[in-house]
Protein backbone atom coordinates (compact mmCIF):
# COMPACT_ATOMS: atom_id res chain seq x y z
CA MET A 1 14.38 46.60 39.71
CA ALA A 2 13.49 43.07 40.67
CA ARG A 3 10.29 41.26 39.91
CA LYS A 4 8.55 40.76 43.25
CA ILE A 5 6.08 38.38 44.81
CA PHE A 6 4.59 38.44 48.31
CA ILE A 7 3.93 35.01 49.81
CA ALA A 8 0.93 35.20 52.12
CA ALA A 9 -0.98 32.42 53.83
CA THR A 10 -4.39 31.72 55.30
CA GLY A 11 -2.74 30.61 58.54
CA GLN A 12 0.16 28.77 60.09
CA ASN A 13 1.41 25.41 58.82
CA SER A 14 0.00 25.81 55.33
CA GLY A 15 3.37 25.25 53.65
CA LYS A 16 4.47 28.87 53.21
CA THR A 17 8.16 28.29 53.92
CA THR A 18 8.15 25.17 51.74
CA THR A 19 6.66 27.35 49.01
CA SER A 20 9.41 29.94 49.46
CA LEU A 21 12.07 27.22 49.23
CA SER A 22 10.44 25.95 46.05
CA LEU A 23 10.17 29.40 44.48
CA MET A 24 13.80 30.18 45.33
CA HIS A 25 14.89 26.95 43.64
CA MET A 26 12.79 27.52 40.53
CA ALA A 27 13.54 31.25 40.24
CA MET A 28 17.28 30.56 40.37
CA LYS A 29 16.90 28.43 37.27
CA LYS A 30 15.57 31.43 35.35
CA TYR A 31 17.04 34.56 36.95
CA GLY A 32 20.62 35.54 37.65
CA LYS A 33 20.14 36.82 41.19
CA VAL A 34 17.25 35.87 43.47
CA GLY A 35 16.65 37.46 46.85
CA PHE A 36 14.48 36.72 49.87
CA ILE A 37 13.12 38.74 52.78
CA LYS A 38 11.02 37.95 55.86
CA PRO A 39 10.05 41.53 56.84
CA ILE A 40 8.58 40.64 60.23
CA GLY A 41 10.39 37.79 61.98
CA PRO A 42 8.28 36.24 64.76
CA LYS A 43 10.75 33.38 65.35
CA PRO A 44 14.12 34.78 66.44
CA ALA A 45 17.24 32.63 66.23
CA GLN A 46 20.98 33.19 66.09
CA HIS A 47 23.29 32.60 63.17
CA GLU A 48 26.97 33.36 63.64
CA GLY A 49 26.19 35.95 66.32
CA PHE A 50 23.44 37.67 64.33
CA VAL A 51 19.79 37.44 65.41
CA ALA A 52 17.36 36.83 62.56
CA ASP A 53 14.11 35.03 61.84
CA LYS A 54 14.41 31.24 61.59
CA ASP A 55 12.93 31.15 58.09
CA ALA A 56 15.35 33.80 56.82
CA ILE A 57 18.25 31.83 58.31
CA LEU A 58 16.97 28.67 56.62
CA ILE A 59 16.82 30.31 53.18
CA ALA A 60 20.19 32.01 53.69
CA LYS A 61 21.93 28.75 54.61
CA VAL A 62 20.31 26.63 51.90
CA PHE A 63 21.00 29.08 49.08
CA GLY A 64 24.25 30.64 50.28
CA LEU A 65 22.83 34.09 51.06
CA GLU A 66 24.30 34.59 54.54
CA ARG A 67 25.86 37.88 53.44
CA ASP A 68 22.38 39.33 52.90
CA LEU A 69 20.91 38.03 56.19
CA PRO A 70 20.66 41.49 57.85
CA LEU A 71 18.50 42.62 54.92
CA MET A 72 16.60 39.33 54.74
CA SER A 73 15.37 39.74 58.34
CA PRO A 74 15.14 43.50 59.00
CA PHE A 75 12.87 43.33 62.06
CA VAL A 76 12.73 40.42 64.48
CA LEU A 77 10.09 40.32 67.20
CA HIS A 78 11.53 39.58 70.61
CA PRO A 79 9.50 38.88 73.75
CA GLY A 80 7.99 42.16 74.96
CA ASP A 81 8.38 44.01 71.64
CA THR A 82 4.63 44.23 71.08
CA LYS A 83 4.19 46.08 74.38
CA ARG A 84 7.20 48.29 73.60
CA VAL A 85 5.56 49.30 70.32
CA LEU A 86 2.25 50.04 72.03
CA ASP A 87 4.09 52.00 74.75
CA GLY A 88 5.83 54.03 72.07
CA THR A 89 9.34 52.85 72.99
CA ILE A 90 9.63 51.31 69.52
CA LYS A 91 8.10 53.53 66.82
CA ARG A 92 5.93 51.94 64.13
CA ASP A 93 7.37 54.32 61.55
CA GLN A 94 10.88 53.14 62.41
CA ILE A 95 9.88 49.51 61.82
CA LEU A 96 8.29 50.34 58.49
CA TYR A 97 11.34 52.38 57.46
CA ARG A 98 13.72 49.48 58.22
CA ILE A 99 11.51 47.09 56.24
CA ALA A 100 11.10 49.48 53.28
CA ASP A 101 14.85 50.19 53.22
CA ALA A 102 15.71 46.46 53.21
CA ILE A 103 13.20 45.72 50.44
CA ASP A 104 14.53 48.62 48.37
CA LYS A 105 18.13 47.41 48.68
CA LEU A 106 17.25 43.82 47.85
CA GLU A 107 15.18 44.98 44.87
CA ARG A 108 18.18 46.82 43.45
CA GLU A 109 20.54 43.89 44.04
CA ASN A 110 18.38 41.10 42.59
CA ASP A 111 16.39 40.17 39.51
CA PHE A 112 13.67 38.36 41.46
CA LEU A 113 12.61 38.97 45.07
CA ILE A 114 10.49 36.71 47.29
CA ILE A 115 8.82 38.43 50.25
CA GLU A 116 7.48 35.97 52.81
CA GLY A 117 4.77 37.07 55.21
CA ALA A 118 4.21 35.80 58.74
CA GLY A 119 1.16 33.73 59.66
CA HIS A 120 -2.21 34.87 58.32
CA THR A 121 -2.85 38.22 56.63
CA GLY A 122 -3.56 40.14 59.83
CA VAL A 123 -0.42 39.08 61.68
CA GLY A 124 1.63 42.14 62.63
CA SER A 125 -1.37 44.50 62.79
CA VAL A 126 -0.72 45.24 66.47
CA ILE A 127 2.60 46.85 65.53
CA GLY A 128 1.21 48.51 62.41
CA CYS A 129 2.81 46.00 60.05
CA SER A 130 0.18 43.53 58.89
CA ASN A 131 1.08 41.34 55.93
CA ALA A 132 -1.32 43.33 53.78
CA ARG A 133 0.30 46.63 54.73
CA ILE A 134 3.80 45.33 54.03
CA ALA A 135 2.67 43.98 50.64
CA ARG A 136 1.34 47.46 49.85
CA LEU A 137 4.58 49.02 51.07
CA ALA A 138 6.52 46.71 48.75
CA SER A 139 4.09 47.18 45.83
CA ALA A 140 4.17 43.41 45.43
CA PRO A 141 1.41 41.20 44.02
CA VAL A 142 0.31 38.40 46.33
CA MET A 143 0.24 34.65 46.08
CA MET A 144 -1.75 33.19 48.96
CA VAL A 145 -0.83 29.72 50.22
CA THR A 146 -3.50 27.48 51.72
CA GLY A 147 -3.77 23.97 53.05
CA GLY A 148 -5.81 21.30 51.28
CA GLY A 149 -9.57 20.90 51.23
CA LEU A 150 -12.47 22.79 49.73
CA GLY A 151 -14.87 24.62 52.03
CA ASN A 152 -12.26 25.51 54.62
CA VAL A 153 -9.88 26.72 51.90
CA VAL A 154 -12.48 29.00 50.32
CA ASP A 155 -13.65 30.39 53.67
CA ALA A 156 -10.12 31.10 54.91
CA ALA A 157 -8.96 32.56 51.59
CA VAL A 158 -11.93 34.92 51.25
CA MET A 159 -11.48 36.14 54.83
CA ASN A 160 -7.76 36.79 54.33
CA MET A 161 -8.24 38.40 50.93
CA ALA A 162 -10.50 41.05 52.48
CA LEU A 163 -7.59 42.73 54.26
CA PHE A 164 -5.51 42.81 51.07
CA GLU A 165 -8.47 44.36 49.25
CA LYS A 166 -8.70 47.00 51.98
CA GLU A 167 -5.03 47.83 51.40
CA GLN A 168 -5.63 47.77 47.61
CA VAL A 169 -3.11 44.99 47.07
CA PRO A 170 -3.92 42.50 44.28
CA VAL A 171 -4.11 38.82 45.25
CA LYS A 172 -3.10 37.21 41.98
CA SER A 173 -3.14 33.52 42.82
CA LEU A 174 -4.05 30.87 45.35
CA LEU A 175 -1.51 28.06 45.82
CA VAL A 176 -3.18 25.01 47.32
CA ASN A 177 -0.88 22.72 49.31
CA LYS A 178 -1.29 19.42 51.16
CA ILE A 179 -3.78 18.07 48.63
CA ILE A 180 -4.89 14.46 49.04
CA SER A 181 -3.33 12.78 46.01
CA GLU A 182 -6.40 10.84 44.84
CA LYS A 183 -8.58 13.97 45.22
CA ARG A 184 -6.20 16.38 43.50
CA ASP A 185 -8.03 16.88 40.18
CA LYS A 186 -11.46 17.11 41.82
CA THR A 187 -10.24 19.52 44.52
CA LEU A 188 -8.63 21.89 42.04
CA HIS A 189 -11.67 21.69 39.74
CA TYR A 190 -14.08 22.81 42.46
CA LEU A 191 -11.73 25.48 43.74
CA ASP A 192 -11.57 26.85 40.19
CA LEU A 193 -15.36 27.01 40.22
CA ALA A 194 -15.41 28.64 43.67
CA PHE A 195 -13.12 31.46 42.52
CA GLY A 196 -14.47 31.60 38.99
CA ASP A 197 -16.03 35.04 39.45
CA THR A 198 -12.80 36.56 40.78
CA SER A 199 -9.45 37.46 39.25
CA VAL A 200 -7.67 34.92 41.45
CA ASP A 201 -6.03 31.98 39.69
CA VAL A 202 -5.97 28.64 41.53
CA ILE A 203 -2.65 26.78 41.33
CA GLY A 204 -2.06 23.25 42.50
CA GLY A 205 0.80 23.00 44.96
CA PHE A 206 2.21 19.94 46.69
CA ASN A 207 0.21 16.85 47.51
CA TYR A 208 0.20 15.84 51.16
CA GLN A 209 3.61 14.30 51.81
CA PRO A 210 4.18 12.53 55.15
CA ILE A 211 7.92 12.86 54.56
CA LEU A 212 7.53 16.65 54.67
CA ALA A 213 4.89 16.75 57.38
CA ASN A 214 6.65 14.43 59.82
CA PRO A 215 9.68 15.26 61.99
CA THR A 216 13.24 14.01 61.80
CA LEU A 217 14.99 12.51 64.81
CA ARG A 218 17.00 15.72 65.06
CA ARG A 219 13.81 17.76 65.18
CA ILE A 220 12.36 15.61 67.97
CA ALA A 221 15.55 15.91 70.00
CA GLY A 222 15.34 19.67 69.59
CA VAL A 223 11.70 19.78 70.66
CA LEU A 224 12.48 17.73 73.78
CA ASP A 225 15.76 19.61 74.30
CA ILE A 226 17.71 16.39 74.84
CA GLU A 227 20.80 14.81 73.33
CA LEU A 228 20.44 12.55 70.31
CA HIS A 229 22.92 9.67 70.16
CA CYS A 230 23.46 8.76 66.50
CA SER A 231 25.32 9.80 63.37
CA ASP A 232 24.47 12.97 61.42
CA GLN A 233 22.98 10.83 58.66
CA GLU A 234 20.76 8.92 61.08
CA ALA A 235 19.63 12.21 62.65
CA GLN A 236 17.92 13.02 59.34
CA LYS A 237 15.72 9.92 59.52
CA ILE A 238 12.05 10.84 59.35
CA VAL A 239 9.66 9.51 61.97
CA HIS A 240 6.28 8.49 60.54
CA ASN A 241 4.93 6.79 63.66
CA VAL A 242 5.39 7.24 67.41
CA GLN A 243 4.55 4.37 69.76
CA ILE A 244 4.60 4.10 73.54
CA GLY A 245 6.17 0.77 74.51
CA ALA A 246 3.69 -0.05 77.26
CA ALA A 247 2.58 -3.49 76.07
CA SER A 248 4.48 -6.75 76.23
CA THR A 249 7.77 -6.98 74.37
CA GLN A 250 6.29 -9.27 71.73
CA ARG A 251 3.27 -7.01 71.27
CA VAL A 252 5.37 -3.86 70.87
CA ALA A 253 7.57 -5.56 68.25
CA GLY A 254 4.48 -6.75 66.39
CA LEU A 255 2.99 -3.25 66.28
CA LEU A 256 5.99 -1.62 64.60
CA ASN A 257 4.97 0.24 61.44
CA GLU A 258 6.99 2.22 58.92
CA SER A 259 9.67 4.42 60.56
CA THR A 260 8.49 3.98 64.14
CA LEU A 261 10.02 5.79 67.09
CA VAL A 262 9.36 3.86 70.28
CA ILE A 263 9.11 5.48 73.71
CA VAL A 264 10.35 2.96 76.28
CA ASN A 265 10.64 3.61 80.00
CA SER A 266 14.11 3.13 81.48
CA SER A 267 12.81 0.26 83.67
CA ARG A 268 11.85 -1.90 80.62
CA ASP A 269 15.24 -3.60 80.17
CA GLU A 270 13.83 -6.56 78.23
CA LEU A 271 12.08 -4.32 75.72
CA LEU A 272 15.08 -2.02 75.29
CA VAL A 273 17.34 -5.01 74.64
CA THR A 274 14.87 -6.54 72.18
CA LEU A 275 14.52 -3.29 70.19
CA ALA A 276 18.29 -2.84 70.11
CA ASN A 277 18.66 -6.33 68.64
CA LEU A 278 15.78 -5.88 66.18
CA TYR A 279 17.42 -2.72 64.85
CA GLN A 280 20.28 -4.82 63.52
CA LEU A 281 17.98 -7.11 61.50
CA PRO A 282 17.40 -6.14 57.83
CA GLU A 283 13.65 -6.84 58.04
CA TYR A 284 13.30 -4.14 60.69
CA SER A 285 15.45 -1.48 59.00
CA ASP A 286 12.37 0.35 57.64
CA LYS A 287 10.23 -0.20 60.72
CA LEU A 288 12.37 0.91 63.64
CA THR A 289 13.81 4.43 63.54
CA GLY A 290 14.99 4.79 67.13
CA ILE A 291 14.01 4.94 70.78
CA ILE A 292 13.33 7.58 73.41
CA ILE A 293 14.03 6.44 76.95
CA PRO A 294 12.08 8.50 79.53
CA GLY A 295 11.97 7.95 83.27
CA VAL A 296 14.05 9.09 86.22
CA GLY A 297 15.47 5.65 86.98
CA PRO A 298 18.86 4.68 85.53
CA ILE A 299 19.31 2.22 82.69
CA SER A 300 21.16 -0.90 83.76
CA ALA A 301 24.80 -1.00 82.71
CA ILE A 302 24.43 -4.11 80.54
CA THR A 303 21.34 -2.70 78.78
CA GLN A 304 23.18 0.55 78.10
CA ARG A 305 26.07 -1.39 76.55
CA ILE A 306 23.71 -3.39 74.32
CA ILE A 307 21.95 -0.21 73.14
CA GLU A 308 25.24 1.48 72.29
CA ARG A 309 26.68 -1.56 70.49
CA SER A 310 23.52 -1.99 68.39
CA GLY A 311 23.86 1.46 66.87
CA ILE A 312 20.15 2.23 67.37
CA PRO A 313 19.55 6.00 67.61
CA TYR A 314 18.41 6.85 71.11
CA MET A 315 17.54 9.78 73.35
CA ARG A 316 17.33 9.92 77.13
CA ALA A 317 14.45 12.05 78.46
CA GLY A 318 13.92 12.87 82.12
CA ARG A 319 10.15 13.05 81.70
CA THR A 320 7.26 10.60 81.78
CA SER A 321 6.41 8.55 78.69
CA THR A 322 3.05 10.32 78.38
CA THR A 323 4.62 13.78 78.52
CA VAL A 324 7.20 12.85 75.88
CA PHE A 325 4.51 11.37 73.62
CA GLU A 326 2.31 14.47 73.91
CA MET A 327 5.20 16.85 73.20
CA VAL A 328 6.20 14.90 70.09
CA LYS A 329 2.66 14.54 68.75
CA GLU A 330 1.78 18.19 69.33
CA ASP A 331 4.86 19.46 67.53
CA VAL A 332 4.45 20.52 63.91
CA SER A 333 7.57 19.68 61.97
CA LYS A 334 9.38 22.60 60.37
CA VAL A 335 12.14 22.28 57.82
CA VAL A 336 15.63 23.31 58.97
CA ALA A 337 18.77 23.68 56.88
CA GLU A 338 20.18 20.43 58.25
CA ASP A 339 17.24 18.47 56.79
CA VAL A 340 19.14 17.85 53.57
CA GLU A 341 16.93 14.98 52.39
CA LYS A 342 13.73 16.99 52.91
CA ILE A 343 15.12 20.02 51.13
CA GLU A 344 16.25 17.98 48.14
CA LEU A 345 12.78 16.40 48.01
CA ILE A 346 11.17 19.85 48.10
CA LYS A 347 13.33 20.95 45.16
CA MET A 348 12.45 17.82 43.20
CA LEU A 349 8.73 18.21 43.92
CA ALA A 350 8.91 21.88 42.94
CA GLU A 351 10.18 20.92 39.51
CA GLN A 352 7.35 18.40 39.15
CA ARG A 353 4.45 20.33 40.69
CA LEU A 354 5.14 24.06 40.70
CA ASP A 355 4.22 25.95 37.53
CA PHE A 356 6.77 28.70 37.99
CA GLU A 357 6.19 30.20 34.54
CA LYS A 358 2.52 30.69 35.40
CA ILE A 359 3.36 32.23 38.75
CA ASP A 360 5.96 34.49 37.13
CA SER A 361 3.43 35.64 34.54
CA PHE A 362 1.20 37.07 37.30
CA LEU A 363 3.92 39.56 38.13
CA ASP A 364 3.76 41.36 34.79
């Protein structure tokens, strides 16, 4: 039977999927066969005609586990499923059976099994499948992933741990992600003190990395549901800054920072032409990532030709500049299988930062 670990979290966007990617990479260096399962899938997506959770699809594609995808995502929540469970159309026992059966099969097929929860500990309670209950069902010790900080980390961790304690599931470790680099040692020191009277071990995860936190051009195009005009390699470029090109052309050019995506209305021909020309200059190669062109008015034919000849990545959005800006800024970037550069960085950081031997020792 496989060694198992349940990856929980204090909430969304704490780096749980990044942690799973890292653990998969490190575990594969030690064990012959490593499996993954997302028992409750709140984010349905399609892969080759099969509906599964997005995170399960990501892991399957990155590590070549597509064959196991039906087991890796045994229950996917579709719109209306919660009400169907409460109405009795979908039976809670049937959900738990499907999850238990998938875990059992993956346990027998692998040497190491990563079980990734959904959201915070209580997620899934409405359908009788909270993270804590699934961890108990799997008889898997828990590693809880948190964001960075001190007081908020302790408060959130203690609150989430209570439900695991109720289900009599051991929380073995706390993996702290998104740590401010210059505060890393101090943060981990005080968290050690905060959990000193418990059996929970504090483990330092990744420092805050803008390259992981910020979206790629491909991601932004997906969020806006518009076409991205550029090469596959350029689509992986990471956007660190988003700027609305509302000022004068000279002012906008002067405000460009590292990897800036500029939102320029279709009526601003002079600014569009200037940015297209700047993109071809070596001194702007690290500053200008691309442009989004909102507005209902057409782009002039000559401006369109200049944009296309320059090679600058661009997107055409039939919305206002403000709406586009708000949609981009409100989005939280998630890693997808096509983000090759991000995934390779995650693997490299895992080898530098993740103490897999320590984590593995908690499973004895």
